[in-house]
Amino acid sequence: MAGAGPTAVLSSGKKMPLLGLGTWQSKAEEVYNAVKVAIDAGYRHIDTAWVYKNEKEVGQAIKEKIAEGKIKREDVFVTTKLFTAFSRPEHVRECMMQSLADLGLDYVDLYLIHSPLCFKYGSNPFAHAGNPEEVYDEVDYVDTWKGMEPLVDEGLAKSIGVSNFNKQQLERLVQNCRIKPAVNQVELHPYLAQQDLVDFCKKNNILVTAYSGLGAPALPKMMSNKTDDPVLMEDPSIVAIGKKYGKSAAQVLIRYQLDRGVSVIPKSVTPSRIQANFDIMNFSLSKEDLASLGQLDRKLRYVGANLFVKHKFFPF
């Protein structure tokens, strides 16, 4: 994967670039350009999801870059996610096929269960903000996983994994699966280090991917825990470390994950930021700086999804 930067070999045997472009909350018309800019800048990992409603534009941008000869399909690692209203094993493939059709691809490199929470088939849990219990489903994520595994057998997903799973949920899944989850994608940054979870994943050869690695600066109120959270990128110690290396706070936060062996998918639609977020290959943080970033942990979760706190599989 030329230009991809550092990669990791997943438990599936497949190679995954550790730095990717996140597309959550990226509007359809903006994400098309963002993906093209990212591929030109050297990104070889694009992360999307059924629920983001931008897979068509992500796919179109990739298709154009392949047509230009900039990349081949096998050069770009595409991740998408199973929406929580397709959690019953018999509906998993349907969601997958919708995503593949929108992306215009024959397969994805990584397919994740978006959350251990499950909702009634065809429902939109966010439309039931006042009373989400109405659309809760009883299906167990272990059964959802049994719907994921055949996608690998069919070649529709090269690797499969999960997102937003806590340690106990992962432990239970690992004990009850035929194909081990290759990845767990979770919120991760110096204010939410989740070292126990990271250590558990490393021990079990599950790669961790960090979302909201820059502290979720543009989070919608519905997903947020509160409005007065401290701004991660303004933390004086992070800014000071950046000055030492001639880098921005955002670049320090991205490098922090790579240096602890974690994949990271910063989201941006601004060309200069997309480029700057990739310009972190020419430095590494010292052990001392990594340790001081580790000490900033305050168990602060920006993406709380407390709307669904009464769900029996609520992970946080």
C-alpha atoms as a PDB file:
ATOM      1  CA  MET A   1       0.000   0.000   0.000  1.00  0.00           C
ATOM      2  CA  ALA A   2       2.221   2.772  -1.299  1.00  0.00           C
ATOM      3  CA  GLY A   3       1.948   6.038   0.639  1.00  0.00           C
ATOM      4  CA  ALA A   4      -0.129   4.471   3.395  1.00  0.00           C
ATOM      5  CA  GLY A   5       2.271   5.196   6.264  1.00  0.00           C
ATOM      6  CA  PRO A   6       2.530   2.629   9.079  1.00  0.00           C
ATOM      7  CA  THR A   7       0.449  -0.541   8.761  1.00  0.00           C
ATOM      8  CA  ALA A   8      -0.545  -3.407  11.052  1.00  0.00           C
ATOM      9  CA  VAL A   9      -1.243  -7.028  10.191  1.00  0.00           C
ATOM     10  CA  LEU A  10      -4.692  -7.988  11.487  1.00  0.00           C
ATOM     11  CA  SER A  11      -5.559 -11.393  12.986  1.00  0.00           C
ATOM     12  CA  SER A  12      -7.151 -12.162   9.591  1.00  0.00           C
ATOM     13  CA  GLY A  13      -3.688 -11.861   8.022  1.00  0.00           C
ATOM     14  CA  LYS A  14      -4.694  -8.692   6.128  1.00  0.00           C
ATOM     15  CA  LYS A  15      -2.682  -5.458   6.272  1.00  0.00           C
ATOM     16  CA  MET A  16      -4.392  -2.297   7.531  1.00  0.00           C
ATOM     17  CA  PRO A  17      -2.976   1.254   7.325  1.00  0.00           C
ATOM     18  CA  LEU A  18      -3.003   2.693  10.858  1.00  0.00           C
ATOM     19  CA  LEU A  19      -3.911   6.228   9.763  1.00  0.00           C
ATOM     20  CA  GLY A  20      -7.238   6.652   7.989  1.00  0.00           C
ATOM     21  CA  LEU A  21      -9.718   9.352   7.043  1.00  0.00           C
ATOM     22  CA  GLY A  22     -12.841   9.421   9.216  1.00  0.00           C
ATOM     23  CA  THR A  23     -16.093  10.513   7.576  1.00  0.00           C
ATOM     24  CA  TRP A  24     -18.613  10.621  10.446  1.00  0.00           C
ATOM     25  CA  GLN A  25     -20.700  13.828  10.191  1.00  0.00           C
ATOM     26  CA  SER A  26     -19.128  14.634   6.825  1.00  0.00           C
ATOM     27  CA  LYS A  27     -21.859  15.870   4.505  1.00  0.00           C
ATOM     28  CA  ALA A  28     -22.249  13.861   1.316  1.00  0.00           C
ATOM     29  CA  GLU A  29     -21.117  16.647  -1.048  1.00  0.00           C
ATOM     30  CA  GLU A  30     -18.085  17.483   1.140  1.00  0.00           C
ATOM     31  CA  VAL A  31     -16.954  13.902   1.720  1.00  0.00           C
ATOM     32  CA  TYR A  32     -16.588  13.230  -2.020  1.00  0.00           C
ATOM     33  CA  ASN A  33     -13.922  15.922  -2.280  1.00  0.00           C
ATOM     34  CA  ALA A  34     -12.390  15.021   1.102  1.00  0.00           C
ATOM     35  CA  VAL A  35     -11.756  11.407   0.043  1.00  0.00           C
ATOM     36  CA  LYS A  36     -10.125  12.512  -3.230  1.00  0.00           C
ATOM     37  CA  VAL A  37      -7.897  15.005  -1.380  1.00  0.00           C
ATOM     38  CA  ALA A  38      -7.019  12.337   1.203  1.00  0.00           C
ATOM     39  CA  ILE A  39      -5.998   9.758  -1.415  1.00  0.00           C
ATOM     40  CA  ASP A  40      -3.827  12.384  -3.151  1.00  0.00           C
ATOM     41  CA  ALA A  41      -2.236  13.220   0.229  1.00  0.00           C
ATOM     42  CA  GLY A  42      -1.300   9.560   0.795  1.00  0.00           C
ATOM     43  CA  TYR A  43      -4.173   8.152   2.866  1.00  0.00           C
ATOM     44  CA  ARG A  44      -4.933   4.527   1.999  1.00  0.00           C
ATOM     45  CA  HIS A  45      -7.615   3.848   4.619  1.00  0.00           C
ATOM     46  CA  ILE A  46     -11.120   5.359   4.451  1.00  0.00           C
ATOM     47  CA  ASP A  47     -13.662   4.780   7.238  1.00  0.00           C
ATOM     48  CA  THR A  48     -17.403   5.129   6.678  1.00  0.00           C
ATOM     49  CA  ALA A  49     -20.662   3.477   7.845  1.00  0.00           C
ATOM     50  CA  TRP A  50     -24.164   2.684   6.620  1.00  0.00           C
ATOM     51  CA  VAL A  51     -25.611   5.227   9.078  1.00  0.00           C
ATOM     52  CA  TYR A  52     -23.347   8.082   7.864  1.00  0.00           C
ATOM     53  CA  LYS A  53     -25.347   8.233   4.610  1.00  0.00           C
ATOM     54  CA  ASN A  54     -22.242   9.113   2.604  1.00  0.00           C
ATOM     55  CA  GLU A  55     -21.105   5.742   1.256  1.00  0.00           C
ATOM     56  CA  LYS A  56     -22.136   6.634  -2.333  1.00  0.00           C
ATOM     57  CA  GLU A  57     -19.862   9.688  -2.351  1.00  0.00           C
ATOM     58  CA  VAL A  58     -16.998   7.813  -0.652  1.00  0.00           C
ATOM     59  CA  GLY A  59     -17.301   5.095  -3.301  1.00  0.00           C
ATOM     60  CA  GLN A  60     -17.501   7.576  -6.174  1.00  0.00           C
ATOM     61  CA  ALA A  61     -14.313   9.339  -5.028  1.00  0.00           C
ATOM     62  CA  ILE A  62     -12.445   6.004  -4.766  1.00  0.00           C
ATOM     63  CA  LYS A  63     -13.724   4.951  -8.196  1.00  0.00           C
ATOM     64  CA  GLU A  64     -12.460   8.197  -9.746  1.00  0.00           C
ATOM     65  CA  LYS A  65      -9.032   7.820  -8.170  1.00  0.00           C
ATOM     66  CA  ILE A  66      -8.817   4.255  -9.517  1.00  0.00           C
ATOM     67  CA  ALA A  67      -9.870   5.483 -12.987  1.00  0.00           C
ATOM     68  CA  GLU A  68      -7.140   8.162 -12.848  1.00  0.00           C
ATOM     69  CA  GLY A  69      -4.562   5.463 -12.120  1.00  0.00           C
ATOM     70  CA  LYS A  70      -3.691   7.055  -8.774  1.00  0.00           C
ATOM     71  CA  ILE A  71      -4.553   3.837  -6.882  1.00  0.00           C
ATOM     72  CA  LYS A  72      -5.696   0.280  -7.528  1.00  0.00           C
ATOM     73  CA  ARG A  73      -8.630  -1.156  -5.555  1.00  0.00           C
ATOM     74  CA  GLU A  74      -6.238  -3.294  -3.489  1.00  0.00           C
ATOM     75  CA  ASP A  75      -4.262  -0.173  -2.479  1.00  0.00           C
ATOM     76  CA  VAL A  76      -7.121   1.345  -0.481  1.00  0.00           C
ATOM     77  CA  PHE A  77      -8.483  -0.125   2.749  1.00  0.00           C
ATOM     78  CA  VAL A  78     -12.220   0.563   3.076  1.00  0.00           C
ATOM     79  CA  THR A  79     -14.059   0.146   6.388  1.00  0.00           C
ATOM     80  CA  THR A  80     -17.816   0.347   6.782  1.00  0.00           C
ATOM     81  CA  LYS A  81     -20.234  -0.670   9.531  1.00  0.00           C
ATOM     82  CA  LEU A  82     -23.391  -2.643  10.155  1.00  0.00           C
ATOM     83  CA  PHE A  83     -26.200  -0.382  11.370  1.00  0.00           C
ATOM     84  CA  THR A  84     -27.795  -1.335  14.698  1.00  0.00           C
ATOM     85  CA  ALA A  85     -31.263  -1.863  13.164  1.00  0.00           C
ATOM     86  CA  PHE A  86     -29.878  -4.785  11.116  1.00  0.00           C
ATOM     87  CA  SER A  87     -28.579  -6.655  14.178  1.00  0.00           C
ATOM     88  CA  ARG A  88     -30.576  -9.847  13.718  1.00  0.00           C
ATOM     89  CA  PRO A  89     -28.325 -12.414  12.023  1.00  0.00           C
ATOM     90  CA  GLU A  90     -30.754 -12.819   9.116  1.00  0.00           C
ATOM     91  CA  HIS A  91     -30.534  -9.065   8.334  1.00  0.00           C
ATOM     92  CA  VAL A  92     -26.742  -8.608   8.489  1.00  0.00           C
ATOM     93  CA  ARG A  93     -26.130  -9.524   4.846  1.00  0.00           C
ATOM     94  CA  GLU A  94     -28.883  -7.145   3.696  1.00  0.00           C
ATOM     95  CA  CYS A  95     -27.144  -4.176   5.334  1.00  0.00           C
ATOM     96  CA  MET A  96     -23.806  -5.306   3.917  1.00  0.00           C
ATOM     97  CA  MET A  97     -25.197  -5.561   0.376  1.00  0.00           C
ATOM     98  CA  GLN A  98     -26.731  -2.071   0.655  1.00  0.00           C
ATOM     99  CA  SER A  99     -23.333  -0.684   1.686  1.00  0.00           C
ATOM    100  CA  LEU A 100     -21.495  -2.498  -1.123  1.00  0.00           C
ATOM    101  CA  ALA A 101     -24.053  -1.227  -3.672  1.00  0.00           C
ATOM    102  CA  ASP A 102     -23.672   2.355  -2.426  1.00  0.00           C
ATOM    103  CA  LEU A 103     -19.867   2.117  -2.313  1.00  0.00           C
ATOM    104  CA  GLY A 104     -19.813   0.499  -5.769  1.00  0.00           C
ATOM    105  CA  LEU A 105     -17.440  -2.192  -4.458  1.00  0.00           C
ATOM    106  CA  ASP A 106     -17.375  -6.001  -4.575  1.00  0.00           C
ATOM    107  CA  TYR A 107     -15.969  -6.249  -1.056  1.00  0.00           C
ATOM    108  CA  VAL A 108     -14.911  -4.133   1.905  1.00  0.00           C
ATOM    109  CA  ASP A 109     -11.621  -4.613   3.712  1.00  0.00           C
ATOM    110  CA  LEU A 110     -13.206  -4.337   7.142  1.00  0.00           C
ATOM    111  CA  TYR A 111     -16.828  -4.651   8.272  1.00  0.00           C
ATOM    112  CA  LEU A 112     -17.664  -3.670  11.841  1.00  0.00           C
ATOM    113  CA  ILE A 113     -20.704  -4.180  14.068  1.00  0.00           C
ATOM    114  CA  HIS A 114     -21.263  -0.467  14.754  1.00  0.00           C
ATOM    115  CA  SER A 115     -22.397  -0.996  18.346  1.00  0.00           C
ATOM    116  CA  PRO A 116     -23.377  -3.816  20.731  1.00  0.00           C
ATOM    117  CA  LEU A 117     -26.778  -2.074  21.006  1.00  0.00           C
ATOM    118  CA  CYS A 118     -29.503  -3.551  18.836  1.00  0.00           C
ATOM    119  CA  PHE A 119     -32.700  -1.960  17.624  1.00  0.00           C
ATOM    120  CA  LYS A 120     -35.806  -3.212  15.886  1.00  0.00           C
ATOM    121  CA  TYR A 121     -35.365  -4.009  12.201  1.00  0.00           C
ATOM    122  CA  GLY A 122     -35.962  -0.985   9.995  1.00  0.00           C
ATOM    123  CA  SER A 123     -36.154   1.487  12.897  1.00  0.00           C
ATOM    124  CA  ASN A 124     -34.254   4.735  13.333  1.00  0.00           C
ATOM    125  CA  PRO A 125     -33.309   4.859  17.021  1.00  0.00           C
ATOM    126  CA  PHE A 126     -32.359   8.563  16.780  1.00  0.00           C
ATOM    127  CA  ALA A 127     -35.937   9.407  15.758  1.00  0.00           C
ATOM    128  CA  HIS A 128     -37.091   8.029  19.123  1.00  0.00           C
ATOM    129  CA  ALA A 129     -34.929  10.301  21.274  1.00  0.00           C
ATOM    130  CA  GLY A 130     -37.787  10.837  23.732  1.00  0.00           C
ATOM    131  CA  ASN A 131     -38.478   7.150  24.235  1.00  0.00           C
ATOM    132  CA  PRO A 132     -35.789   4.951  22.628  1.00  0.00           C
ATOM    133  CA  GLU A 133     -36.994   1.894  24.573  1.00  0.00           C
ATOM    134  CA  GLU A 134     -39.785   1.613  21.960  1.00  0.00           C
ATOM    135  CA  VAL A 135     -37.267   0.394  19.381  1.00  0.00           C
ATOM    136  CA  TYR A 136     -34.896  -1.696  21.555  1.00  0.00           C
ATOM    137  CA  ASP A 137     -34.442  -5.246  20.307  1.00  0.00           C
ATOM    138  CA  GLU A 138     -33.506  -8.279  22.382  1.00  0.00           C
ATOM    139  CA  VAL A 139     -31.042  -9.739  19.895  1.00  0.00           C
ATOM    140  CA  ASP A 140     -27.643 -10.655  21.356  1.00  0.00           C
ATOM    141  CA  TYR A 141     -24.499  -9.240  19.687  1.00  0.00           C
ATOM    142  CA  VAL A 142     -23.020 -12.787  19.807  1.00  0.00           C
ATOM    143  CA  ASP A 143     -25.825 -13.816  17.441  1.00  0.00           C
ATOM    144  CA  THR A 144     -25.226 -10.728  15.285  1.00  0.00           C
ATOM    145  CA  TRP A 145     -21.601 -11.895  15.007  1.00  0.00           C
ATOM    146  CA  LYS A 146     -22.816 -15.269  13.701  1.00  0.00           C
ATOM    147  CA  GLY A 147     -24.346 -13.266  10.837  1.00  0.00           C
ATOM    148  CA  MET A 148     -21.022 -11.481  10.241  1.00  0.00           C
ATOM    149  CA  GLU A 149     -18.786 -14.546   9.899  1.00  0.00           C
ATOM    150  CA  PRO A 150     -20.347 -15.859   6.628  1.00  0.00           C
ATOM    151  CA  LEU A 151     -19.498 -12.510   4.974  1.00  0.00           C
ATOM    152  CA  VAL A 152     -15.823 -13.480   5.281  1.00  0.00           C
ATOM    153  CA  ASP A 153     -16.522 -16.946   3.847  1.00  0.00           C
ATOM    154  CA  GLU A 154     -18.257 -15.286   0.875  1.00  0.00           C
ATOM    155  CA  GLY A 155     -15.412 -12.813   0.319  1.00  0.00           C
ATOM    156  CA  LEU A 156     -17.674  -9.789   0.906  1.00  0.00           C
ATOM    157  CA  ALA A 157     -15.560  -8.643   3.871  1.00  0.00           C
ATOM    158  CA  LYS A 158     -11.831  -9.416   4.100  1.00  0.00           C
ATOM    159  CA  SER A 159     -11.881  -8.841   7.872  1.00  0.00           C
ATOM    160  CA  ILE A 160     -14.623  -8.306  10.453  1.00  0.00           C
ATOM    161  CA  GLY A 161     -14.633  -6.514  13.784  1.00  0.00           C
ATOM    162  CA  VAL A 162     -16.643  -4.443  16.229  1.00  0.00           C
ATOM    163  CA  SER A 163     -17.049  -0.879  17.439  1.00  0.00           C
ATOM    164  CA  ASN A 164     -18.001   0.565  20.829  1.00  0.00           C
ATOM    165  CA  PHE A 165     -17.572  -2.773  22.616  1.00  0.00           C
ATOM    166  CA  ASN A 166     -16.300  -2.742  26.203  1.00  0.00           C
ATOM    167  CA  LYS A 167     -13.825  -5.276  27.598  1.00  0.00           C
ATOM    168  CA  GLN A 168     -16.461  -7.625  29.048  1.00  0.00           C
ATOM    169  CA  GLN A 169     -18.425  -7.660  25.790  1.00  0.00           C
ATOM    170  CA  LEU A 170     -15.272  -8.385  23.795  1.00  0.00           C
ATOM    171  CA  GLU A 171     -14.245 -11.166  26.198  1.00  0.00           C
ATOM    172  CA  ARG A 172     -17.633 -12.805  25.771  1.00  0.00           C
ATOM    173  CA  LEU A 173     -17.518 -12.454  21.984  1.00  0.00           C
ATOM    174  CA  VAL A 174     -13.988 -13.894  21.750  1.00  0.00           C
ATOM    175  CA  GLN A 175     -15.164 -16.960  23.693  1.00  0.00           C
ATOM    176  CA  ASN A 176     -18.194 -17.479  21.422  1.00  0.00           C
ATOM    177  CA  CYS A 177     -16.966 -16.976  17.873  1.00  0.00           C
ATOM    178  CA  ARG A 178     -15.572 -18.920  14.945  1.00  0.00           C
ATOM    179  CA  ILE A 179     -13.700 -15.932  13.461  1.00  0.00           C
ATOM    180  CA  LYS A 180     -12.111 -13.583  15.997  1.00  0.00           C
ATOM    181  CA  PRO A 181     -12.861  -9.855  15.726  1.00  0.00           C
ATOM    182  CA  ALA A 182      -9.853  -8.238  14.037  1.00  0.00           C
ATOM    183  CA  VAL A 183     -10.581  -4.671  15.239  1.00  0.00           C
ATOM    184  CA  ASN A 184     -12.410  -2.801  18.008  1.00  0.00           C
ATOM    185  CA  GLN A 185     -13.094   0.837  17.072  1.00  0.00           C
ATOM    186  CA  VAL A 186     -13.725   3.022  20.135  1.00  0.00           C
ATOM    187  CA  GLU A 187     -13.451   6.611  21.343  1.00  0.00           C
ATOM    188  CA  LEU A 188      -9.840   7.109  22.426  1.00  0.00           C
ATOM    189  CA  HIS A 189      -7.691  10.146  23.229  1.00  0.00           C
ATOM    190  CA  PRO A 190      -5.567  11.376  26.180  1.00  0.00           C
ATOM    191  CA  TYR A 191      -8.700  12.349  28.178  1.00  0.00           C
ATOM    192  CA  LEU A 192     -10.086   8.825  27.632  1.00  0.00           C
ATOM    193  CA  ALA A 193      -7.041   6.538  27.471  1.00  0.00           C
ATOM    194  CA  GLN A 194      -8.918   3.240  28.136  1.00  0.00           C
ATOM    195  CA  GLN A 195      -5.570   1.543  28.802  1.00  0.00           C
ATOM    196  CA  ASP A 196      -7.224  -1.611  30.202  1.00  0.00           C
ATOM    197  CA  LEU A 197      -9.227  -2.074  27.025  1.00  0.00           C
ATOM    198  CA  VAL A 198      -6.190  -1.343  24.808  1.00  0.00           C
ATOM    199  CA  ASP A 199      -4.098  -3.876  26.780  1.00  0.00           C
ATOM    200  CA  PHE A 200      -6.830  -6.527  26.562  1.00  0.00           C
ATOM    201  CA  CYS A 201      -7.111  -6.018  22.794  1.00  0.00           C
ATOM    202  CA  LYS A 202      -3.318  -6.240  22.310  1.00  0.00           C
ATOM    203  CA  LYS A 203      -3.200  -9.455  24.342  1.00  0.00           C
ATOM    204  CA  ASN A 204      -5.938 -10.944  22.130  1.00  0.00           C
ATOM    205  CA  ASN A 205      -4.485  -9.679  18.830  1.00  0.00           C
ATOM    206  CA  ILE A 206      -7.381  -7.266  18.267  1.00  0.00           C
ATOM    207  CA  LEU A 207      -6.261  -3.970  16.743  1.00  0.00           C
ATOM    208  CA  VAL A 208      -7.751  -0.870  18.371  1.00  0.00           C
ATOM    209  CA  THR A 209      -8.881   2.024  16.163  1.00  0.00           C
ATOM    210  CA  ALA A 210      -9.435   5.401  17.826  1.00  0.00           C
ATOM    211  CA  TYR A 211     -12.377   7.549  16.781  1.00  0.00           C
ATOM    212  CA  SER A 212     -12.780  11.131  18.057  1.00  0.00           C
ATOM    213  CA  GLY A 213      -9.018  11.072  18.573  1.00  0.00           C
ATOM    214  CA  LEU A 214      -9.000  14.882  18.380  1.00  0.00           C
ATOM    215  CA  GLY A 215     -11.728  15.179  21.024  1.00  0.00           C
ATOM    216  CA  ALA A 216     -14.891  15.356  18.859  1.00  0.00           C
ATOM    217  CA  PRO A 217     -14.847  19.155  18.318  1.00  0.00           C
ATOM    218  CA  ALA A 218     -18.121  19.210  16.307  1.00  0.00           C
ATOM    219  CA  LEU A 219     -20.246  16.674  18.122  1.00  0.00           C
ATOM    220  CA  PRO A 220     -24.039  16.806  17.692  1.00  0.00           C
ATOM    221  CA  LYS A 221     -25.863  17.476  20.987  1.00  0.00           C
ATOM    222  CA  MET A 222     -27.803  14.207  20.733  1.00  0.00           C
ATOM    223  CA  MET A 223     -24.583  12.167  21.007  1.00  0.00           C
ATOM    224  CA  SER A 224     -22.805  14.357  23.527  1.00  0.00           C
ATOM    225  CA  ASN A 225     -22.733  13.912  27.279  1.00  0.00           C
ATOM    226  CA  LYS A 226     -22.744  17.631  28.062  1.00  0.00           C
ATOM    227  CA  THR A 227     -21.933  20.997  26.560  1.00  0.00           C
ATOM    228  CA  ASP A 228     -19.165  22.248  28.857  1.00  0.00           C
ATOM    229  CA  ASP A 229     -16.537  19.550  28.172  1.00  0.00           C
ATOM    230  CA  PRO A 230     -12.945  20.872  28.049  1.00  0.00           C
ATOM    231  CA  VAL A 231     -11.499  21.245  24.537  1.00  0.00           C
ATOM    232  CA  LEU A 232      -8.823  18.591  24.127  1.00  0.00           C
ATOM    233  CA  MET A 233      -6.838  20.457  21.457  1.00  0.00           C
ATOM    234  CA  GLU A 234      -6.522  23.472  23.773  1.00  0.00           C
ATOM    235  CA  ASP A 235      -4.982  21.478  26.629  1.00  0.00           C
ATOM    236  CA  PRO A 236      -1.798  23.401  27.600  1.00  0.00           C
ATOM    237  CA  SER A 237       0.358  20.283  27.926  1.00  0.00           C
ATOM    238  CA  ILE A 238      -0.672  19.012  24.475  1.00  0.00           C
ATOM    239  CA  VAL A 239      -0.039  22.446  22.939  1.00  0.00           C
ATOM    240  CA  ALA A 240       3.369  22.587  24.688  1.00  0.00           C
ATOM    241  CA  ILE A 241       4.390  19.157  23.345  1.00  0.00           C
ATOM    242  CA  GLY A 242       3.369  20.349  19.867  1.00  0.00           C
ATOM    243  CA  LYS A 243       5.594  23.435  20.150  1.00  0.00           C
ATOM    244  CA  LYS A 244       8.562  21.224  21.087  1.00  0.00           C
ATOM    245  CA  TYR A 245       8.212  19.238  17.825  1.00  0.00           C
ATOM    246  CA  GLY A 246       6.990  22.131  15.665  1.00  0.00           C
ATOM    247  CA  LYS A 247       3.625  20.370  15.315  1.00  0.00           C
ATOM    248  CA  SER A 248      -0.012  21.274  16.025  1.00  0.00           C
ATOM    249  CA  ALA A 249      -2.025  19.808  18.915  1.00  0.00           C
ATOM    250  CA  ALA A 250      -3.969  17.739  16.350  1.00  0.00           C
ATOM    251  CA  GLN A 251      -0.751  16.283  14.923  1.00  0.00           C
ATOM    252  CA  VAL A 252       0.457  15.384  18.437  1.00  0.00           C
ATOM    253  CA  LEU A 253      -2.863  13.643  19.181  1.00  0.00           C
ATOM    254  CA  ILE A 254      -2.669  11.579  15.971  1.00  0.00           C
ATOM    255  CA  ARG A 255       0.975  10.636  16.599  1.00  0.00           C
ATOM    256  CA  TYR A 256       0.116   9.671  20.208  1.00  0.00           C
ATOM    257  CA  GLN A 257      -2.164   6.896  18.932  1.00  0.00           C
ATOM    258  CA  LEU A 258       0.278   5.617  16.304  1.00  0.00           C
ATOM    259  CA  ASP A 259       3.079   5.536  18.872  1.00  0.00           C
ATOM    260  CA  ARG A 260       0.967   3.365  21.189  1.00  0.00           C
ATOM    261  CA  GLY A 261       0.168   0.963  18.352  1.00  0.00           C
ATOM    262  CA  VAL A 262      -3.381   2.221  17.862  1.00  0.00           C
ATOM    263  CA  SER A 263      -4.999   3.027  14.519  1.00  0.00           C
ATOM    264  CA  VAL A 264      -6.620   6.471  14.243  1.00  0.00           C
ATOM    265  CA  ILE A 265      -9.155   7.995  11.806  1.00  0.00           C
ATOM    266  CA  PRO A 266      -9.252  11.806  12.187  1.00  0.00           C
ATOM    267  CA  LYS A 267     -12.215  13.334  10.370  1.00  0.00           C
ATOM    268  CA  SER A 268     -11.920  16.457   8.260  1.00  0.00           C
ATOM    269  CA  VAL A 269     -13.358  17.858   5.037  1.00  0.00           C
ATOM    270  CA  THR A 270     -10.889  20.777   4.912  1.00  0.00           C
ATOM    271  CA  PRO A 271      -8.083  20.027   2.416  1.00  0.00           C
ATOM    272  CA  SER A 272      -5.342  21.756   4.442  1.00  0.00           C
ATOM    273  CA  ARG A 273      -6.322  19.844   7.601  1.00  0.00           C
ATOM    274  CA  ILE A 274      -6.581  16.525   5.773  1.00  0.00           C
ATOM    275  CA  GLN A 275      -3.014  17.106   4.558  1.00  0.00           C
ATOM    276  CA  ALA A 276      -1.742  18.312   7.960  1.00  0.00           C
ATOM    277  CA  ASN A 277      -3.271  15.275   9.702  1.00  0.00           C
ATOM    278  CA  PHE A 278      -1.222  13.039   7.396  1.00  0.00           C
ATOM    279  CA  ASP A 279       1.992  15.034   7.897  1.00  0.00           C
ATOM    280  CA  ILE A 280       2.930  13.172  11.068  1.00  0.00           C
ATOM    281  CA  MET A 281       5.222  10.537   9.541  1.00  0.00           C
ATOM    282  CA  ASN A 282       8.401  12.556  10.153  1.00  0.00           C
ATOM    283  CA  PHE A 283       8.395  12.526  13.974  1.00  0.00           C
ATOM    284  CA  SER A 284       7.702  10.287  16.955  1.00  0.00           C
ATOM    285  CA  LEU A 285       6.881  11.246  20.528  1.00  0.00           C
ATOM    286  CA  SER A 286       9.472  10.512  23.188  1.00  0.00           C
ATOM    287  CA  LYS A 287       8.690   7.995  25.944  1.00  0.00           C
ATOM    288  CA  GLU A 288       8.438  10.920  28.367  1.00  0.00           C
ATOM    289  CA  ASP A 289       5.931  12.766  26.183  1.00  0.00           C
ATOM    290  CA  LEU A 290       3.851   9.607  25.695  1.00  0.00           C
ATOM    291  CA  ALA A 291       3.848   9.114  29.476  1.00  0.00           C
ATOM    292  CA  SER A 292       2.802  12.719  30.150  1.00  0.00           C
ATOM    293  CA  LEU A 293      -0.039  12.415  27.612  1.00  0.00           C
ATOM    294  CA  GLY A 294      -1.055   9.195  29.379  1.00  0.00           C
ATOM    295  CA  GLN A 295      -1.348  11.124  32.634  1.00  0.00           C
ATOM    296  CA  LEU A 296      -4.034  13.405  31.182  1.00  0.00           C
ATOM    297  CA  ASP A 297      -6.633  10.615  31.415  1.00  0.00           C
ATOM    298  CA  ARG A 298      -9.813  11.896  33.061  1.00  0.00           C
ATOM    299  CA  LYS A 299     -12.182   9.177  31.790  1.00  0.00           C
ATOM    300  CA  LEU A 300     -13.914  11.863  29.740  1.00  0.00           C
ATOM    301  CA  ARG A 301     -16.150  10.436  27.039  1.00  0.00           C
ATOM    302  CA  TYR A 302     -17.285  13.004  24.466  1.00  0.00           C
ATOM    303  CA  VAL A 303     -19.491  10.567  22.536  1.00  0.00           C
ATOM    304  CA  GLY A 304     -21.666   9.318  25.362  1.00  0.00           C
ATOM    305  CA  ALA A 305     -24.812   8.190  23.526  1.00  0.00           C
ATOM    306  CA  ASN A 306     -26.506   8.411  26.942  1.00  0.00           C
ATOM    307  CA  LEU A 307     -29.782   8.468  25.072  1.00  0.00           C
ATOM    308  CA  PHE A 308     -29.585   4.653  25.113  1.00  0.00           C
ATOM    309  CA  VAL A 309     -28.295   4.162  28.652  1.00  0.00           C
ATOM    310  CA  LYS A 310     -31.148   1.790  29.553  1.00  0.00           C
ATOM    311  CA  HIS A 311     -30.337  -0.661  26.772  1.00  0.00           C
ATOM    312  CA  LYS A 312     -29.221  -3.982  28.258  1.00  0.00           C
ATOM    313  CA  PHE A 313     -26.038  -3.976  26.164  1.00  0.00           C
ATOM    314  CA  PHE A 314     -25.173  -0.293  26.795  1.00  0.00           C
ATOM    315  CA  PRO A 315     -21.362  -0.464  26.731  1.00  0.00           C
ATOM    316  CA  PHE A 316     -20.157   2.610  28.642  1.00  0.00           C
END
